Amino acid sequence: MNLGYQYLARTERGGQIDGFLEAPSAAAAFQRLKNTGLKPLRVCFNLRHTLQTFIGGEFAPAQVARLYVTLGRRIKNGKPLVEGLASAAEYLTDARLKQAVLRMRQAIQEGQTEYQAMLAAGFPKRDAMVIRSTSEAGRTGDTFINLSQDLTRMAGLRRSVKQVFFLPMSMSIFMYIFFYFSLWKIAPATMSFLKQTNLKIRLNAFNQAYFDFAQWFHEHLAIGTVVYASLPIGLFFLLRSAALRRLIDAIPTVHGLSVKSDHATLWNSFALLYDAAIPVRDACLILADAAARTDSQNSFKRLSKRVDAGQPIEEAIQGCCFPKFVVAGVRSAASGGDLVAGLQDLVRNLEEDVISATELLKEKVKIASIVFVALGIIFTAAVSYFPVAGTVLGNV
């Protein structure tokens, strides 16, 4: 099991960098730093990063985009990638990404290719396979820049969605704390007050069930508190589950955004491969590994088999379960006599559709957040104000 460690180290150029890394022990952490070309000055256990290591998660998209565009520009200018990775470790603030960059640098120094080093360092498989798909064509720099643009778009989407969700998230936290305090203090105090007034208590089925549960919770406070405190943990694993991702993907707007975003990246890489005279069959197999979606992966595998059987791409594309807009775009590109230029037009159209779908999704999320906040306010009133008001008014 890996633990999280905070370190301070000196670079080969004499500068100092600090960050976090994961290792089984402090001694192993020292050795990993040395293997990446750093001179460790201090390594100490860090509880917060250890918990982050256990939970896992993605790299910060905005920082990965910054890294990719920097690496792409260096490669296009003929500068060594290893030096770019060394300097990147000094300006990145995402601790896990900084560690991955150092691992990638070490792997390249040991003779691995760019995509092999990315996989070894923990970068997304799709990114690594897309780099692999274009490295033989000498388009690694362009591909890094294209990936950066895709990540920048996705980071912008996430940032916009977070802004929209800020109010409902704040409301959720308030309701979580309020509901516990209500079960612990408010509900018992309310029932005690109503009994002392000698009023005829009139509660509907919902409020009666709520006060019965609150009484049980108050009598078994220790057990109830443990169960209640575990709810966020269960919610965390639910949000990360494959079943929920499939459920979310069933939403038409989200599904369309995901499909078009994936195909925009894949067909852009396909155009680069085709332009570099990479066989279509091989390009399809490479892109199948790079696909972010299972349906995209299966479609490219089918296309590879049909092309290998001798069918031209404009015919093979029709029986591979690609989306209709992909089939129409590829056939149009092939019939125009310049497949590369046609595919570039397809990619631009897909990117425009992704931007439109993103704006539509933001509007829908904004409406849903307003409804959620309104329901939260109603629920809060239902368990606090309505029982008292209803009982008093019923005895007037």
Protein backbone atom coordinates (compact mmCIF):
# COMPACT_ATOMS: atom_id res chain seq x y z
CA MET A 1 0.00 0.00 0.00
CA ASN A 2 1.34 3.41 -0.99
CA LEU A 3 1.39 6.29 1.47
CA GLY A 4 1.58 10.00 0.75
CA TYR A 5 4.80 11.92 1.40
CA GLN A 6 5.66 15.59 1.14
CA TYR A 7 9.13 16.36 -0.15
CA LEU A 8 11.59 19.14 -0.73
CA ALA A 9 14.22 18.43 -3.40
CA ARG A 10 16.86 20.12 -5.50
CA THR A 11 16.72 19.92 -9.30
CA GLU A 12 19.64 19.26 -11.63
CA ARG A 13 19.78 22.99 -12.37
CA GLY A 14 20.09 23.86 -8.68
CA GLY A 15 16.54 25.03 -8.06
CA GLN A 16 14.32 23.75 -5.29
CA ILE A 17 10.90 22.19 -5.76
CA ASP A 18 8.44 20.82 -3.26
CA GLY A 19 5.53 18.50 -3.80
CA PHE A 20 3.99 15.16 -2.92
CA LEU A 21 4.62 11.61 -4.04
CA GLU A 22 3.31 8.15 -3.27
CA ALA A 23 5.53 5.35 -2.00
CA PRO A 24 5.37 2.36 0.39
CA SER A 25 7.84 3.98 2.80
CA ALA A 26 9.98 7.06 3.34
CA ALA A 27 13.07 5.18 2.11
CA ALA A 28 11.26 4.21 -1.09
CA ALA A 29 10.17 7.83 -1.52
CA PHE A 30 13.81 8.97 -1.25
CA GLN A 31 14.83 6.43 -3.89
CA ARG A 32 12.04 7.42 -6.28
CA LEU A 33 13.10 11.04 -6.08
CA LYS A 34 16.71 10.08 -6.84
CA ASN A 35 15.57 7.97 -9.79
CA THR A 36 13.86 11.00 -11.31
CA GLY A 37 17.10 13.01 -11.18
CA LEU A 38 16.27 15.02 -8.07
CA LYS A 39 18.31 15.39 -4.91
CA PRO A 40 15.91 14.89 -1.99
CA LEU A 41 16.44 17.29 0.91
CA ARG A 42 13.46 16.36 3.07
CA VAL A 43 10.74 13.70 2.94
CA CYS A 44 8.00 13.43 5.55
CA PHE A 45 4.69 11.58 5.87
CA ASN A 46 1.57 13.59 4.92
CA LEU A 47 -1.85 12.40 6.13
CA ARG A 48 -3.93 14.52 3.73
CA HIS A 49 -2.09 13.27 0.66
CA THR A 50 -2.30 9.70 1.97
CA LEU A 51 -6.09 10.03 2.09
CA GLN A 52 -6.06 11.51 -1.43
CA THR A 53 -3.97 8.55 -2.58
CA PHE A 54 -6.54 6.17 -1.13
CA ILE A 55 -9.49 8.03 -2.69
CA GLY A 56 -7.79 8.54 -6.06
CA GLY A 57 -9.05 10.97 -8.71
CA GLU A 58 -8.02 12.73 -11.88
CA PHE A 59 -5.35 15.30 -12.53
CA ALA A 60 -6.52 18.91 -12.64
CA PRO A 61 -7.62 19.30 -16.32
CA ALA A 62 -6.49 22.93 -16.58
CA GLN A 63 -2.97 22.03 -15.45
CA VAL A 64 -2.76 19.00 -17.73
CA ALA A 65 -3.81 21.27 -20.62
CA ARG A 66 -1.07 23.74 -19.69
CA LEU A 67 1.47 20.93 -19.56
CA TYR A 68 0.43 19.48 -22.93
CA VAL A 69 0.51 22.79 -24.78
CA THR A 70 3.95 23.57 -23.33
CA LEU A 71 5.30 20.16 -24.33
CA GLY A 72 3.74 20.45 -27.78
CA ARG A 73 5.37 23.80 -28.44
CA ARG A 74 8.76 22.54 -27.24
CA ILE A 75 8.60 19.51 -29.52
CA LYS A 76 7.57 21.62 -32.53
CA ASN A 77 10.50 23.94 -31.83
CA GLY A 78 12.90 21.01 -31.75
CA LYS A 79 13.67 21.19 -28.02
CA PRO A 80 14.17 18.01 -25.92
CA LEU A 81 11.06 16.69 -24.21
CA VAL A 82 13.02 15.65 -21.10
CA GLU A 83 14.04 19.25 -20.41
CA GLY A 84 10.46 20.38 -20.82
CA LEU A 85 9.32 17.82 -18.26
CA ALA A 86 12.02 18.97 -15.83
CA SER A 87 10.89 22.58 -16.05
CA ALA A 88 7.20 21.57 -15.86
CA ALA A 89 7.78 20.04 -12.43
CA GLU A 90 8.71 23.51 -11.18
CA TYR A 91 5.58 25.42 -12.30
CA LEU A 92 2.84 22.80 -11.80
CA THR A 93 0.87 23.03 -8.56
CA ASP A 94 -1.10 19.76 -8.80
CA ALA A 95 0.96 17.47 -6.56
CA ARG A 96 -0.15 14.25 -8.25
CA LEU A 97 0.46 15.67 -11.72
CA LYS A 98 3.91 16.89 -10.69
CA GLN A 99 4.75 13.39 -9.50
CA ALA A 100 3.47 11.91 -12.79
CA VAL A 101 5.64 14.33 -14.78
CA LEU A 102 8.73 13.23 -12.87
CA ARG A 103 7.87 9.58 -13.47
CA MET A 104 7.35 10.25 -17.17
CA ARG A 105 10.72 11.99 -17.36
CA GLN A 106 12.41 9.05 -15.67
CA ALA A 107 10.76 6.55 -18.02
CA ILE A 108 11.88 8.49 -21.11
CA GLN A 109 15.43 8.65 -19.78
CA GLU A 110 15.29 4.87 -19.39
CA GLY A 111 14.48 4.52 -23.09
CA GLN A 112 10.71 4.33 -23.20
CA THR A 113 8.72 6.15 -25.87
CA GLU A 114 6.48 9.12 -25.06
CA TYR A 115 3.28 7.10 -24.90
CA GLN A 116 4.88 4.28 -22.88
CA ALA A 117 6.22 6.84 -20.42
CA MET A 118 2.78 8.46 -20.14
CA LEU A 119 1.14 5.13 -19.34
CA ALA A 120 3.84 4.30 -16.77
CA ALA A 121 3.36 7.70 -15.14
CA GLY A 122 -0.40 7.35 -14.80
CA PHE A 123 -1.60 9.75 -17.49
CA PRO A 124 -5.01 8.97 -19.05
CA LYS A 125 -4.78 5.99 -21.39
CA ARG A 126 -6.64 7.85 -24.11
CA ASP A 127 -4.08 10.65 -24.13
CA ALA A 128 -1.21 8.18 -24.25
CA MET A 129 -2.74 6.17 -27.10
CA VAL A 130 -3.50 9.31 -29.13
CA ILE A 131 0.15 10.34 -28.72
CA ARG A 132 1.16 6.87 -29.85
CA SER A 133 -1.12 7.13 -32.88
CA THR A 134 0.65 10.21 -34.21
CA SER A 135 4.22 9.80 -32.95
CA GLU A 136 5.18 7.63 -35.94
CA ALA A 137 3.93 10.39 -38.22
CA GLY A 138 6.08 13.01 -36.52
CA ARG A 139 2.99 14.88 -35.28
CA THR A 140 3.56 14.49 -31.54
CA GLY A 141 3.79 18.23 -31.00
CA ASP A 142 0.55 18.91 -32.86
CA THR A 143 -1.21 16.13 -30.96
CA PHE A 144 -0.16 17.49 -27.56
CA ILE A 145 -1.55 20.88 -28.57
CA ASN A 146 -4.81 19.31 -29.82
CA LEU A 147 -5.19 17.39 -26.55
CA SER A 148 -4.57 20.62 -24.67
CA GLN A 149 -7.38 22.34 -26.57
CA ASP A 150 -9.74 19.45 -25.82
CA LEU A 151 -8.85 19.53 -22.12
CA THR A 152 -9.23 23.31 -22.01
CA ARG A 153 -12.74 22.98 -23.40
CA MET A 154 -13.61 20.28 -20.86
CA ALA A 155 -12.06 22.29 -18.02
CA GLY A 156 -14.18 25.26 -19.04
CA LEU A 157 -17.28 23.06 -19.01
CA ARG A 158 -16.47 21.72 -15.55
CA ARG A 159 -15.80 25.21 -14.25
CA SER A 160 -19.13 26.45 -15.62
CA VAL A 161 -21.00 23.47 -14.16
CA LYS A 162 -19.33 24.01 -10.77
CA GLN A 163 -20.48 27.62 -10.79
CA VAL A 164 -24.03 26.54 -11.55
CA PHE A 165 -23.92 23.84 -8.86
CA PHE A 166 -22.46 26.13 -6.19
CA LEU A 167 -25.86 27.19 -4.83
CA PRO A 168 -27.44 23.69 -4.71
CA MET A 169 -24.23 22.26 -3.23
CA SER A 170 -24.25 24.93 -0.53
CA MET A 171 -27.91 24.18 0.08
CA SER A 172 -27.15 20.45 0.34
CA ILE A 173 -24.46 21.02 2.96
CA PHE A 174 -26.78 23.30 4.93
CA MET A 175 -29.60 20.76 4.78
CA TYR A 176 -27.28 17.92 5.81
CA ILE A 177 -26.16 19.81 8.92
CA PHE A 178 -29.63 21.21 9.64
CA PHE A 179 -31.35 17.83 9.36
CA TYR A 180 -28.95 16.25 11.85
CA PHE A 181 -29.45 19.13 14.28
CA SER A 182 -33.19 18.87 13.70
CA LEU A 183 -33.26 15.15 14.53
CA TRP A 184 -31.06 15.70 17.56
CA LYS A 185 -32.55 18.87 19.05
CA ILE A 186 -35.31 20.61 17.11
CA ALA A 187 -37.78 17.72 16.64
CA PRO A 188 -37.73 16.55 20.29
CA ALA A 189 -38.01 20.16 21.49
CA THR A 190 -40.93 20.77 19.11
CA MET A 191 -42.87 17.74 20.33
CA SER A 192 -42.17 18.66 23.94
CA PHE A 193 -43.44 22.19 23.31
CA LEU A 194 -46.61 20.99 21.62
CA LYS A 195 -47.39 18.57 24.47
CA GLN A 196 -46.90 21.31 27.08
CA THR A 197 -49.41 23.60 25.30
CA ASN A 198 -52.19 21.03 25.85
CA LEU A 199 -53.20 21.57 22.22
CA LYS A 200 -54.70 18.75 20.20
CA ILE A 201 -51.80 17.69 18.03
CA ARG A 202 -52.75 17.19 14.40
CA LEU A 203 -49.95 15.87 12.19
CA ASN A 204 -50.13 14.54 8.67
CA ALA A 205 -48.62 11.17 7.79
CA PHE A 206 -45.32 12.69 6.66
CA ASN A 207 -44.77 14.74 9.83
CA GLN A 208 -45.90 11.88 12.07
CA ALA A 209 -43.38 9.53 10.44
CA TYR A 210 -40.69 12.19 10.71
CA PHE A 211 -41.27 12.80 14.42
CA ASP A 212 -41.39 9.06 15.13
CA PHE A 213 -38.06 8.64 13.39
CA ALA A 214 -36.63 11.67 15.23
CA GLN A 215 -37.67 10.13 18.54
CA TRP A 216 -35.92 6.87 17.66
CA PHE A 217 -32.83 8.80 16.49
CA HIS A 218 -32.73 10.76 19.77
CA GLU A 219 -33.00 7.57 21.82
CA HIS A 220 -30.23 5.85 19.82
CA LEU A 221 -28.05 8.89 19.22
CA ALA A 222 -24.69 7.07 18.97
CA ILE A 223 -25.86 4.57 16.36
CA GLY A 224 -27.81 7.21 14.46
CA THR A 225 -24.83 9.58 14.40
CA VAL A 226 -22.50 6.91 13.02
CA VAL A 227 -24.99 5.96 10.28
CA TYR A 228 -25.69 9.60 9.45
CA ALA A 229 -21.99 10.47 9.26
CA SER A 230 -21.41 7.56 6.86
CA LEU A 231 -23.94 8.84 4.33
CA PRO A 232 -21.47 11.22 2.57
CA ILE A 233 -19.01 8.33 2.20
CA GLY A 234 -21.66 6.21 0.53
CA LEU A 235 -22.64 9.13 -1.66
CA PHE A 236 -19.00 9.60 -2.71
CA PHE A 237 -18.69 6.00 -3.90
CA LEU A 238 -22.08 6.22 -5.60
CA LEU A 239 -20.98 9.27 -7.59
CA ARG A 240 -17.87 7.38 -8.72
CA SER A 241 -19.72 4.20 -9.65
CA ALA A 242 -19.99 2.91 -13.20
CA ALA A 243 -23.73 2.42 -12.78
CA LEU A 244 -24.30 6.12 -12.10
CA ARG A 245 -22.06 7.10 -15.01
CA ARG A 246 -24.18 4.92 -17.29
CA LEU A 247 -27.32 6.52 -15.88
CA ILE A 248 -25.96 10.02 -16.48
CA ASP A 249 -24.85 9.05 -19.98
CA ALA A 250 -28.46 8.11 -20.73
CA ILE A 251 -29.41 11.80 -20.48
CA PRO A 252 -29.67 12.91 -24.15
CA THR A 253 -27.75 16.17 -23.77
CA VAL A 254 -24.92 14.57 -21.80
CA HIS A 255 -24.79 11.59 -24.16
CA GLY A 256 -24.57 13.80 -27.25
CA LEU A 257 -21.87 15.95 -25.68
CA SER A 258 -19.80 12.91 -24.70
CA VAL A 259 -20.13 11.19 -28.10
CA LYS A 260 -19.28 14.26 -30.17
CA SER A 261 -16.39 15.26 -27.94
CA ASP A 262 -14.88 11.77 -28.17
CA HIS A 263 -15.26 11.55 -31.95
CA ALA A 264 -13.87 15.05 -32.46
CA THR A 265 -10.63 13.97 -30.79
CA LEU A 266 -10.50 10.56 -32.48
CA TRP A 267 -11.18 11.71 -36.04
CA ASN A 268 -8.70 14.53 -35.67
CA SER A 269 -6.07 11.91 -34.82
CA PHE A 270 -7.29 9.72 -37.68
CA ALA A 271 -6.74 12.60 -40.11
CA LEU A 272 -3.18 13.03 -38.84
CA LEU A 273 -2.50 9.30 -39.21
CA TYR A 274 -4.01 9.10 -42.68
CA ASP A 275 -2.04 12.14 -43.80
CA ALA A 276 1.14 10.40 -42.62
CA ALA A 277 0.32 7.32 -44.75
CA ILE A 278 -0.39 5.08 -41.74
CA PRO A 279 -2.58 2.15 -42.95
CA VAL A 280 -6.25 2.69 -42.16
CA ARG A 281 -6.50 -0.70 -40.45
CA ASP A 282 -3.64 0.14 -38.07
CA ALA A 283 -5.00 3.62 -37.43
CA CYS A 284 -8.38 2.20 -36.44
CA LEU A 285 -6.85 -0.27 -33.98
CA ILE A 286 -4.77 2.47 -32.39
CA LEU A 287 -7.78 4.77 -32.08
CA ALA A 288 -9.87 1.93 -30.62
CA ASP A 289 -7.42 1.87 -27.71
CA ALA A 290 -7.55 5.66 -27.45
CA ALA A 291 -11.36 5.94 -27.38
CA ALA A 292 -12.90 7.28 -24.18
CA ARG A 293 -16.22 5.51 -24.82
CA THR A 294 -16.84 1.78 -25.20
CA ASP A 295 -19.16 2.27 -28.18
CA SER A 296 -16.50 4.33 -29.99
CA GLN A 297 -13.94 1.65 -29.25
CA ASN A 298 -16.12 -1.13 -30.67
CA SER A 299 -16.96 0.90 -33.77
CA PHE A 300 -13.31 1.47 -34.65
CA LYS A 301 -12.55 -2.24 -34.15
CA ARG A 302 -15.34 -3.13 -36.57
CA LEU A 303 -14.08 -0.55 -39.05
CA SER A 304 -10.59 -2.05 -38.84
CA LYS A 305 -11.91 -5.53 -39.71
CA ARG A 306 -13.99 -4.27 -42.63
CA VAL A 307 -11.12 -2.25 -44.09
CA ASP A 308 -8.81 -5.23 -43.62
CA ALA A 309 -11.32 -7.30 -45.61
CA GLY A 310 -10.84 -4.96 -48.55
CA GLN A 311 -13.73 -2.51 -48.24
CA PRO A 312 -13.01 1.18 -48.84
CA ILE A 313 -13.55 3.36 -45.82
CA GLU A 314 -16.62 5.13 -47.25
CA GLU A 315 -18.38 1.73 -47.52
CA ALA A 316 -16.95 0.13 -44.38
CA ILE A 317 -18.02 3.03 -42.18
CA GLN A 318 -21.73 2.28 -42.71
CA GLY A 319 -21.85 -1.06 -40.92
CA CYS A 320 -19.78 -0.26 -37.85
CA CYS A 321 -22.39 1.34 -35.55
CA PHE A 322 -20.87 4.79 -35.79
CA PRO A 323 -23.24 7.72 -35.12
CA LYS A 324 -25.07 8.93 -38.22
CA PHE A 325 -23.23 12.25 -38.25
CA VAL A 326 -19.88 10.42 -38.33
CA VAL A 327 -20.99 8.16 -41.18
CA ALA A 328 -22.26 11.12 -43.18
CA GLY A 329 -19.13 13.17 -42.46
CA VAL A 330 -16.66 10.44 -43.42
CA ARG A 331 -18.56 9.54 -46.61
CA SER A 332 -18.71 13.20 -47.57
CA ALA A 333 -14.99 13.60 -46.91
CA ALA A 334 -14.16 10.55 -49.04
CA SER A 335 -16.40 11.62 -51.92
CA GLY A 336 -14.76 15.06 -51.97
CA GLY A 337 -11.45 13.54 -53.06
CA ASP A 338 -9.48 14.91 -50.07
CA LEU A 339 -10.19 12.73 -47.05
CA VAL A 340 -7.89 14.66 -44.71
CA ALA A 341 -9.44 18.05 -45.47
CA GLY A 342 -12.93 16.56 -45.26
CA LEU A 343 -12.20 15.01 -41.87
CA GLN A 344 -10.82 18.31 -40.63
CA ASP A 345 -14.13 19.92 -41.61
CA LEU A 346 -15.95 17.15 -39.74
CA VAL A 347 -13.87 17.77 -36.63
CA ARG A 348 -14.54 21.52 -36.75
CA ASN A 349 -18.27 20.88 -37.05
CA LEU A 350 -18.17 18.48 -34.11
CA GLU A 351 -16.28 21.01 -31.98
CA GLU A 352 -18.91 23.64 -32.77
CA ASP A 353 -21.65 21.16 -31.80
CA VAL A 354 -19.81 20.43 -28.54
CA ILE A 355 -19.74 24.13 -27.67
CA SER A 356 -23.48 24.43 -28.39
CA ALA A 357 -24.25 21.29 -26.36
CA THR A 358 -22.17 22.64 -23.49
CA GLU A 359 -24.19 25.85 -23.36
CA LEU A 360 -27.45 23.87 -23.51
CA LEU A 361 -26.29 21.60 -20.69
CA LYS A 362 -25.37 24.62 -18.54
CA GLU A 363 -28.87 26.07 -18.98
CA LYS A 364 -30.53 22.77 -18.03
CA VAL A 365 -28.30 22.39 -14.99
CA LYS A 366 -29.11 25.96 -13.93
CA ILE A 367 -32.86 25.24 -14.08
CA ALA A 368 -32.42 21.95 -12.19
CA SER A 369 -30.39 23.72 -9.48
CA ILE A 370 -33.13 26.31 -8.95
CA VAL A 371 -35.73 23.53 -8.59
CA PHE A 372 -33.46 21.68 -6.14
CA VAL A 373 -32.97 24.76 -3.97
CA ALA A 374 -36.73 25.38 -3.92
CA LEU A 375 -37.39 21.78 -2.85
CA GLY A 376 -34.75 22.14 -0.15
CA ILE A 377 -36.47 25.20 1.26
CA ILE A 378 -39.85 23.44 1.23
CA PHE A 379 -38.41 20.37 2.97
CA THR A 380 -36.74 22.50 5.64
CA ALA A 381 -40.02 24.25 6.34
CA ALA A 382 -41.91 20.95 6.36
CA VAL A 383 -39.87 19.54 9.24
CA SER A 384 -39.53 22.71 11.28
CA TYR A 385 -42.26 25.33 10.80
CA PHE A 386 -45.30 23.53 9.36
CA PRO A 387 -45.86 21.07 12.26
CA VAL A 388 -46.04 23.88 14.83
CA ALA A 389 -48.07 26.23 12.63
CA GLY A 390 -50.45 23.50 11.54
CA THR A 391 -51.11 22.37 15.11
CA VAL A 392 -51.69 25.91 16.39
CA LEU A 393 -54.00 26.83 13.50
CA GLY A 394 -55.88 23.57 13.88
CA ASN A 395 -56.77 24.48 17.46
CA VAL A 396 -57.91 28.03 16.72
